[in-house]
N, C-alpha and C. Protein backbone atom coordinates (compact mmCIF):
# COMPACT_ATOMS: atom_id res chain seq x y z
N MET A 1 1.42 -1.52 -0.09
CA MET A 1 0.03 -0.43 0.13
C MET A 1 0.46 1.20 -0.03
N LEU A 2 1.68 1.89 -1.16
CA LEU A 2 2.06 2.92 -1.39
C LEU A 2 0.77 4.34 -0.91
N LEU A 3 1.70 5.28 -0.51
CA LEU A 3 1.10 6.53 -0.06
C LEU A 3 1.93 7.37 -0.80
N ILE A 4 2.35 7.27 -1.89
CA ILE A 4 2.98 8.58 -1.93
C ILE A 4 3.37 8.39 -3.48
N ASP A 5 2.54 9.29 -4.13
CA ASP A 5 2.86 9.42 -5.47
C ASP A 5 4.25 10.14 -6.17
N GLU A 6 4.60 11.02 -5.20
CA GLU A 6 5.97 11.29 -6.31
C GLU A 6 6.86 11.97 -5.26
N ILE A 7 8.03 12.50 -5.33
CA ILE A 7 8.71 13.35 -4.72
C ILE A 7 9.00 14.67 -4.82
N VAL A 8 8.29 15.77 -3.96
CA VAL A 8 8.59 17.22 -5.11
C VAL A 8 9.82 17.57 -4.53
N GLU A 9 9.65 18.04 -2.64
CA GLU A 9 11.05 18.57 -2.68
C GLU A 9 12.31 17.88 -1.87
N ARG A 10 13.54 17.79 -2.45
CA ARG A 10 14.48 16.95 -0.82
C ARG A 10 15.37 17.77 -0.49
N GLY A 11 15.96 17.73 1.17
CA GLY A 11 16.12 18.92 1.44
C GLY A 11 17.22 18.40 2.65
N GLU A 12 17.97 19.37 3.19
CA GLU A 12 18.89 18.62 4.26
C GLU A 12 18.39 18.06 5.74
N GLY A 13 18.12 16.93 5.48
CA GLY A 13 17.09 16.15 6.57
C GLY A 13 15.67 16.30 6.72
N TYR A 14 15.18 16.77 5.43
CA TYR A 14 13.60 16.66 4.98
C TYR A 14 13.34 15.96 3.47
N LEU A 15 11.66 15.91 3.52
CA LEU A 15 12.06 15.12 2.94
C LEU A 15 10.39 15.43 2.06
N VAL A 16 9.76 16.15 1.60
CA VAL A 16 8.18 15.83 0.97
C VAL A 16 7.99 15.69 -0.89
N CYS A 17 6.63 14.85 0.04
CA CYS A 17 6.08 14.03 -1.23
C CYS A 17 4.23 14.04 -1.23
N LYS A 18 3.95 14.12 -2.77
CA LYS A 18 2.57 14.25 -2.60
C LYS A 18 2.24 13.23 -2.93
N LYS A 19 0.83 12.89 -2.87
CA LYS A 19 -0.48 12.00 -3.01
C LYS A 19 -1.81 12.92 -2.94
N THR A 20 -2.35 12.06 -4.05
CA THR A 20 -3.53 12.52 -4.59
C THR A 20 -4.87 11.23 -4.40
N PHE A 21 -5.39 11.54 -3.46
CA PHE A 21 -5.91 10.71 -3.11
C PHE A 21 -7.78 10.34 -3.86
N ALA A 22 -7.42 9.27 -5.10
CA ALA A 22 -8.46 8.85 -6.25
C ALA A 22 -9.80 8.15 -5.14
N SER A 23 -11.24 8.69 -5.79
CA SER A 23 -11.67 8.36 -5.09
C SER A 23 -12.50 6.26 -5.05
N GLU A 24 -11.12 5.81 -6.14
CA GLU A 24 -11.80 4.43 -6.03
C GLU A 24 -10.54 3.83 -4.77
N GLU A 25 -9.74 4.24 -3.91
CA GLU A 25 -8.74 4.04 -3.15
C GLU A 25 -9.94 3.27 -1.73
N PHE A 26 -9.58 1.12 -1.79
CA PHE A 26 -9.76 0.91 -1.17
C PHE A 26 -10.13 1.27 0.47
N PHE A 27 -10.14 2.17 1.45
CA PHE A 27 -10.90 2.80 2.34
C PHE A 27 -11.98 3.83 2.71
N PHE A 28 -11.78 4.28 1.72
CA PHE A 28 -13.13 5.11 1.11
C PHE A 28 -14.41 4.35 1.39
N GLN A 29 -14.65 3.12 0.96
CA GLN A 29 -15.72 1.75 1.13
C GLN A 29 -16.22 2.27 1.67
N GLY A 30 -15.54 1.93 3.75
CA GLY A 30 -16.33 1.86 4.70
C GLY A 30 -16.06 3.21 5.75
N HIS A 31 -15.58 3.87 4.75
CA HIS A 31 -15.49 5.75 5.83
C HIS A 31 -15.52 6.85 5.06
N TYR A 32 -16.56 7.63 4.95
CA TYR A 32 -17.45 6.42 5.39
C TYR A 32 -18.68 6.37 4.01
N PRO A 33 -19.28 5.53 4.38
CA PRO A 33 -20.66 5.37 2.88
C PRO A 33 -21.28 6.66 3.30
N GLY A 34 -21.28 7.33 2.03
CA GLY A 34 -22.17 8.02 0.97
C GLY A 34 -20.84 10.01 1.73
N GLN A 35 -20.39 9.69 2.36
CA GLN A 35 -18.90 11.12 2.97
C GLN A 35 -17.82 10.26 2.82
N PRO A 36 -17.45 9.96 2.58
CA PRO A 36 -15.70 9.50 2.64
C PRO A 36 -15.16 10.37 3.15
N ILE A 37 -14.70 10.13 3.58
CA ILE A 37 -12.91 11.04 4.55
C ILE A 37 -12.23 9.47 4.67
N VAL A 38 -10.77 10.95 4.69
CA VAL A 38 -9.30 9.69 4.56
C VAL A 38 -9.03 9.50 6.22
N PRO A 39 -9.13 8.13 6.22
CA PRO A 39 -8.89 8.05 7.42
C PRO A 39 -7.77 8.33 7.86
N GLY A 40 -7.54 8.38 9.62
CA GLY A 40 -6.25 8.80 9.71
C GLY A 40 -4.96 8.74 10.25
N VAL A 41 -5.44 7.67 10.13
CA VAL A 41 -4.30 5.85 10.73
C VAL A 41 -3.98 6.02 8.38
N ILE A 42 -4.44 6.51 8.02
CA ILE A 42 -4.02 6.58 6.34
C ILE A 42 -2.65 7.69 6.19
N LEU A 43 -3.24 8.77 6.98
CA LEU A 43 -2.40 9.71 7.07
C LEU A 43 -1.08 9.67 7.49
N CYS A 44 -1.62 9.29 8.80
CA CYS A 44 -0.06 8.91 9.60
C CYS A 44 0.60 7.97 8.65
N GLU A 45 0.36 6.56 8.07
CA GLU A 45 0.96 6.32 7.23
C GLU A 45 1.95 6.30 6.07
N ALA A 46 1.37 7.64 5.30
CA ALA A 46 1.97 8.15 4.37
C ALA A 46 3.10 9.12 5.07
N ALA A 47 3.16 10.06 6.13
CA ALA A 47 3.89 10.43 7.07
C ALA A 47 5.22 9.72 7.19
N MET A 48 5.16 8.37 7.77
CA MET A 48 5.59 7.39 7.81
C MET A 48 6.81 6.98 7.30
N GLN A 49 6.14 6.45 5.90
CA GLN A 49 6.60 6.03 4.61
C GLN A 49 7.13 7.34 3.79
N THR A 50 6.66 8.46 4.48
CA THR A 50 7.74 9.88 3.63
C THR A 50 8.98 9.64 4.90
N GLY A 51 9.45 9.52 5.84
CA GLY A 51 9.78 9.02 6.49
C GLY A 51 11.28 7.79 6.71
N ALA A 52 10.45 6.96 5.90
CA ALA A 52 10.69 5.82 4.77
C ALA A 52 12.15 5.94 4.59
N VAL A 53 11.41 6.50 2.93
CA VAL A 53 12.44 7.21 1.70
C VAL A 53 13.06 8.36 2.07
N LEU A 54 12.68 9.29 3.45
CA LEU A 54 13.94 10.57 3.87
C LEU A 54 14.76 9.57 4.51
N LEU A 55 15.18 8.84 4.82
CA LEU A 55 15.97 7.58 5.55
C LEU A 55 16.22 6.52 4.74
N SER A 56 16.27 6.53 3.99
CA SER A 56 16.83 5.65 2.80
C SER A 56 18.18 6.01 1.73
N LYS A 57 17.60 7.34 1.94
CA LYS A 57 18.23 8.55 1.05
C LYS A 57 19.35 9.01 2.25
N LEU A 58 19.49 9.28 3.80
CA LEU A 58 20.08 9.23 4.62
C LEU A 58 21.72 8.96 5.26
N VAL A 59 20.83 7.34 5.35
CA VAL A 59 21.73 5.98 5.91
C VAL A 59 21.92 5.43 5.38
N SER A 60 22.70 4.56 6.07
CA SER A 60 22.53 3.06 5.20
C SER A 60 22.31 2.38 6.39
N THR A 61 21.37 1.60 5.53
CA THR A 61 20.40 0.26 6.81
C THR A 61 20.86 -0.98 7.40
N ASP A 62 22.10 -0.99 5.84
CA ASP A 62 22.34 -2.13 6.42
C ASP A 62 22.00 -4.09 5.73
N GLY A 63 20.97 -2.89 4.93
CA GLY A 63 19.24 -4.78 3.98
C GLY A 63 18.26 -4.03 5.34
N GLY A 64 18.82 -3.62 6.34
CA GLY A 64 17.11 -3.57 7.00
C GLY A 64 16.58 -2.51 6.57
N ILE A 65 15.22 -2.76 7.38
CA ILE A 65 14.24 -1.78 7.02
C ILE A 65 13.36 -0.98 8.46
N PRO A 66 13.52 0.35 8.31
CA PRO A 66 12.94 0.86 9.07
C PRO A 66 11.12 0.80 8.73
N VAL A 67 10.46 0.43 10.74
CA VAL A 67 9.69 0.45 11.25
C VAL A 67 9.17 1.41 11.79
N ALA A 68 7.74 1.53 12.18
CA ALA A 68 7.48 2.11 13.42
C ALA A 68 7.95 1.54 14.67
N ALA A 69 7.68 2.69 15.38
CA ALA A 69 8.50 2.46 17.01
C ALA A 69 7.92 3.32 17.67
N ARG A 70 7.32 4.19 16.98
CA ARG A 70 6.26 4.68 18.51
C ARG A 70 5.38 6.19 17.39
N LEU A 71 4.40 6.61 17.42
CA LEU A 71 3.60 7.87 17.43
C LEU A 71 3.24 8.88 18.67
N ASN A 72 3.92 9.86 18.63
CA ASN A 72 2.94 11.00 19.13
C ASN A 72 2.37 11.97 18.73
N ASP A 73 1.56 12.79 19.23
CA ASP A 73 1.24 14.17 19.69
C ASP A 73 0.96 14.34 17.97
N VAL A 74 -0.50 13.24 18.04
CA VAL A 74 -0.44 12.73 16.64
C VAL A 74 -1.38 14.34 16.46
N LYS A 75 -2.15 15.24 15.38
CA LYS A 75 -3.55 15.61 15.51
C LYS A 75 -3.87 16.87 14.02
N PHE A 76 -5.17 15.65 14.53
CA PHE A 76 -6.07 16.41 13.07
C PHE A 76 -6.15 17.44 12.81
N LYS A 77 -6.35 18.58 12.60
CA LYS A 77 -6.85 19.89 11.77
C LYS A 77 -8.06 19.85 10.91
N LYS A 78 -7.75 19.40 10.07
CA LYS A 78 -8.91 19.41 8.35
C LYS A 78 -9.16 17.82 8.29
N MET A 79 -10.49 18.04 7.35
CA MET A 79 -11.14 16.34 6.70
C MET A 79 -10.04 16.38 5.25
N LEU A 80 -10.03 15.33 4.95
CA LEU A 80 -9.75 15.32 3.53
C LEU A 80 -10.54 14.24 2.95
N ARG A 81 -10.53 14.67 1.54
CA ARG A 81 -11.78 14.19 1.11
C ARG A 81 -11.39 13.22 -0.70
N PRO A 82 -11.98 12.79 -1.02
CA PRO A 82 -11.10 11.25 -2.41
C PRO A 82 -11.12 13.20 -3.25
N GLY A 83 -9.84 12.83 -4.14
CA GLY A 83 -9.56 13.80 -4.91
C GLY A 83 -8.59 14.66 -3.80
N ASP A 84 -8.44 15.26 -2.99
CA ASP A 84 -7.83 15.87 -2.16
C ASP A 84 -6.13 14.99 -3.33
N SER A 85 -5.27 16.82 -2.83
CA SER A 85 -3.97 16.06 -2.90
C SER A 85 -3.31 17.08 -1.93
N ILE A 86 -2.44 16.06 -1.11
CA ILE A 86 -1.19 16.65 -0.25
C ILE A 86 -0.18 16.54 -0.32
N LEU A 87 0.41 17.23 0.65
CA LEU A 87 1.39 18.13 0.46
C LEU A 87 2.64 17.08 2.02
N ILE A 88 2.55 16.21 2.33
CA ILE A 88 3.61 14.98 2.98
C ILE A 88 5.26 15.45 3.99
N GLU A 89 5.63 16.23 4.91
CA GLU A 89 6.89 16.99 4.90
C GLU A 89 7.12 15.58 6.47
N SER A 90 8.26 15.05 5.92
CA SER A 90 8.89 14.42 6.85
C SER A 90 10.91 14.98 7.13
N ARG A 91 10.37 15.03 8.19
CA ARG A 91 11.85 15.57 8.84
C ARG A 91 12.28 15.40 10.10
N LEU A 92 13.81 14.82 10.18
CA LEU A 92 14.80 14.01 10.69
C LEU A 92 14.87 15.09 11.61
N THR A 93 14.99 14.48 12.34
CA THR A 93 15.06 15.80 14.09
C THR A 93 16.39 15.42 15.21
N GLU A 94 16.51 13.75 15.01
CA GLU A 94 17.75 13.21 16.14
C GLU A 94 17.57 12.14 15.71
N ARG A 95 18.72 11.93 15.59
CA ARG A 95 19.01 9.66 16.15
C ARG A 95 19.50 9.42 17.06
N VAL A 96 19.35 8.64 17.74
CA VAL A 96 20.05 7.35 18.60
C VAL A 96 20.20 6.47 18.07
N ARG A 97 21.47 6.28 17.71
CA ARG A 97 22.13 4.69 17.39
C ARG A 97 21.20 4.43 16.19
N ASP A 98 20.13 2.86 16.05
CA ASP A 98 19.42 2.83 15.24
C ASP A 98 17.22 3.17 15.33
N ALA A 99 17.97 4.12 15.87
CA ALA A 99 16.38 4.59 15.99
C ALA A 99 16.64 6.34 15.77
N PHE A 100 15.37 6.94 15.03
CA PHE A 100 15.63 7.32 14.19
C PHE A 100 14.03 8.81 14.82
N PHE A 101 14.00 9.74 15.01
CA PHE A 101 12.78 10.63 15.19
C PHE A 101 12.92 11.33 14.52
N LEU A 102 11.47 11.31 14.33
CA LEU A 102 11.07 12.60 13.17
C LEU A 102 9.51 13.34 13.62
N ALA A 103 9.39 14.14 12.76
CA ALA A 103 8.15 15.03 12.71
C ALA A 103 8.03 15.24 11.28
N GLY A 104 6.51 15.08 11.38
CA GLY A 104 5.69 15.09 9.52
C GLY A 104 4.32 16.12 9.82
N LYS A 105 4.33 16.49 8.82
CA LYS A 105 3.19 17.75 8.48
C LYS A 105 3.18 17.35 7.20
N ILE A 106 1.23 16.96 6.97
CA ILE A 106 0.64 17.45 5.77
C ILE A 106 -0.46 18.32 6.00
N THR A 107 -0.12 19.20 4.65
CA THR A 107 -0.86 20.09 4.02
C THR A 107 -1.56 19.93 3.08
N HIS A 108 -2.74 20.60 3.00
CA HIS A 108 -3.86 20.75 1.75
C HIS A 108 -3.80 22.06 1.64
N GLU A 109 -4.18 22.59 0.55
CA GLU A 109 -4.14 23.86 -0.48
C GLU A 109 -3.61 24.83 0.14
N GLY A 110 -1.87 24.14 1.30
CA GLY A 110 -1.73 25.96 1.66
C GLY A 110 -1.93 25.12 3.17
N LYS A 111 -2.90 24.37 3.60
CA LYS A 111 -3.06 24.68 5.84
C LYS A 111 -2.76 23.00 6.29
N VAL A 112 -2.50 23.81 7.30
CA VAL A 112 -1.70 22.41 8.08
C VAL A 112 -3.29 21.52 8.14
N ALA A 113 -3.30 20.40 7.56
CA ALA A 113 -4.63 19.19 7.87
C ALA A 113 -3.45 18.12 9.35
N VAL A 114 -2.22 17.92 9.14
CA VAL A 114 -2.18 16.89 10.05
C VAL A 114 -1.08 17.60 10.43
N THR A 115 -0.55 16.97 11.71
CA THR A 115 1.11 17.22 12.68
C THR A 115 1.86 15.72 13.55
N LEU A 116 2.22 15.57 13.22
CA LEU A 116 2.48 14.01 14.04
C LEU A 116 4.08 14.42 14.69
N ASN A 117 4.49 13.16 15.54
CA ASN A 117 5.93 12.95 15.66
C ASN A 117 5.87 11.13 15.93
N PHE A 118 6.83 11.11 15.29
CA PHE A 118 7.45 9.21 15.15
C PHE A 118 8.52 9.25 15.28
N ALA A 119 8.57 8.25 15.77
CA ALA A 119 10.29 7.22 15.35
C ALA A 119 10.23 5.78 14.57
N VAL A 120 11.62 5.65 14.76
CA VAL A 120 11.20 4.43 13.98
C VAL A 120 12.53 3.96 14.14
N THR A 121 12.52 2.13 13.81
CA THR A 121 13.69 1.68 13.93
C THR A 121 14.08 1.19 13.07
N ILE A 122 15.34 0.54 12.86
CA ILE A 122 15.84 -0.50 11.91
C ILE A 122 15.16 -2.51 12.04
N ALA A 123 15.20 -2.68 11.32
CA ALA A 123 14.72 -4.02 11.73
C ALA A 123 16.11 -4.67 10.63
N ARG A 124 16.57 -5.55 11.33
CA ARG A 124 17.34 -6.75 10.30
C ARG A 124 17.08 -7.90 10.16
N ALA A 125 17.63 -8.66 9.10
CA ALA A 125 16.85 -9.87 8.71
C ALA A 125 17.14 -10.86 9.57
N ILE A 126 16.84 -12.02 9.72
CA ILE A 126 17.23 -12.99 11.03
C ILE A 126 17.92 -13.73 10.52
């Protein structure tokens, strides 16, 4: 379930991606019939996927993959609907060994829709 359509901007310690939600997305079927909105968990996942792409460009994962370790301070400020395009920014704020702390922000039409902080760690193959 890829929730990133394209990379829009890359800078020192941050990445901005774009996603446009098609009306056919599977999660709109039950969330909510007749009044579809993008589920919050999908928005959080989009920010974490953007963070994973950022980390893949910043650090060597030695064959491991970034996995979610923590999600904090999530604030939903705007409902998003089918057809909406969002910009997803993930910014690396701190690193402690294989733990990476990031801040995420999702905007729609220039307005903040979601903010969150999250951490990922690198899972190694067994």
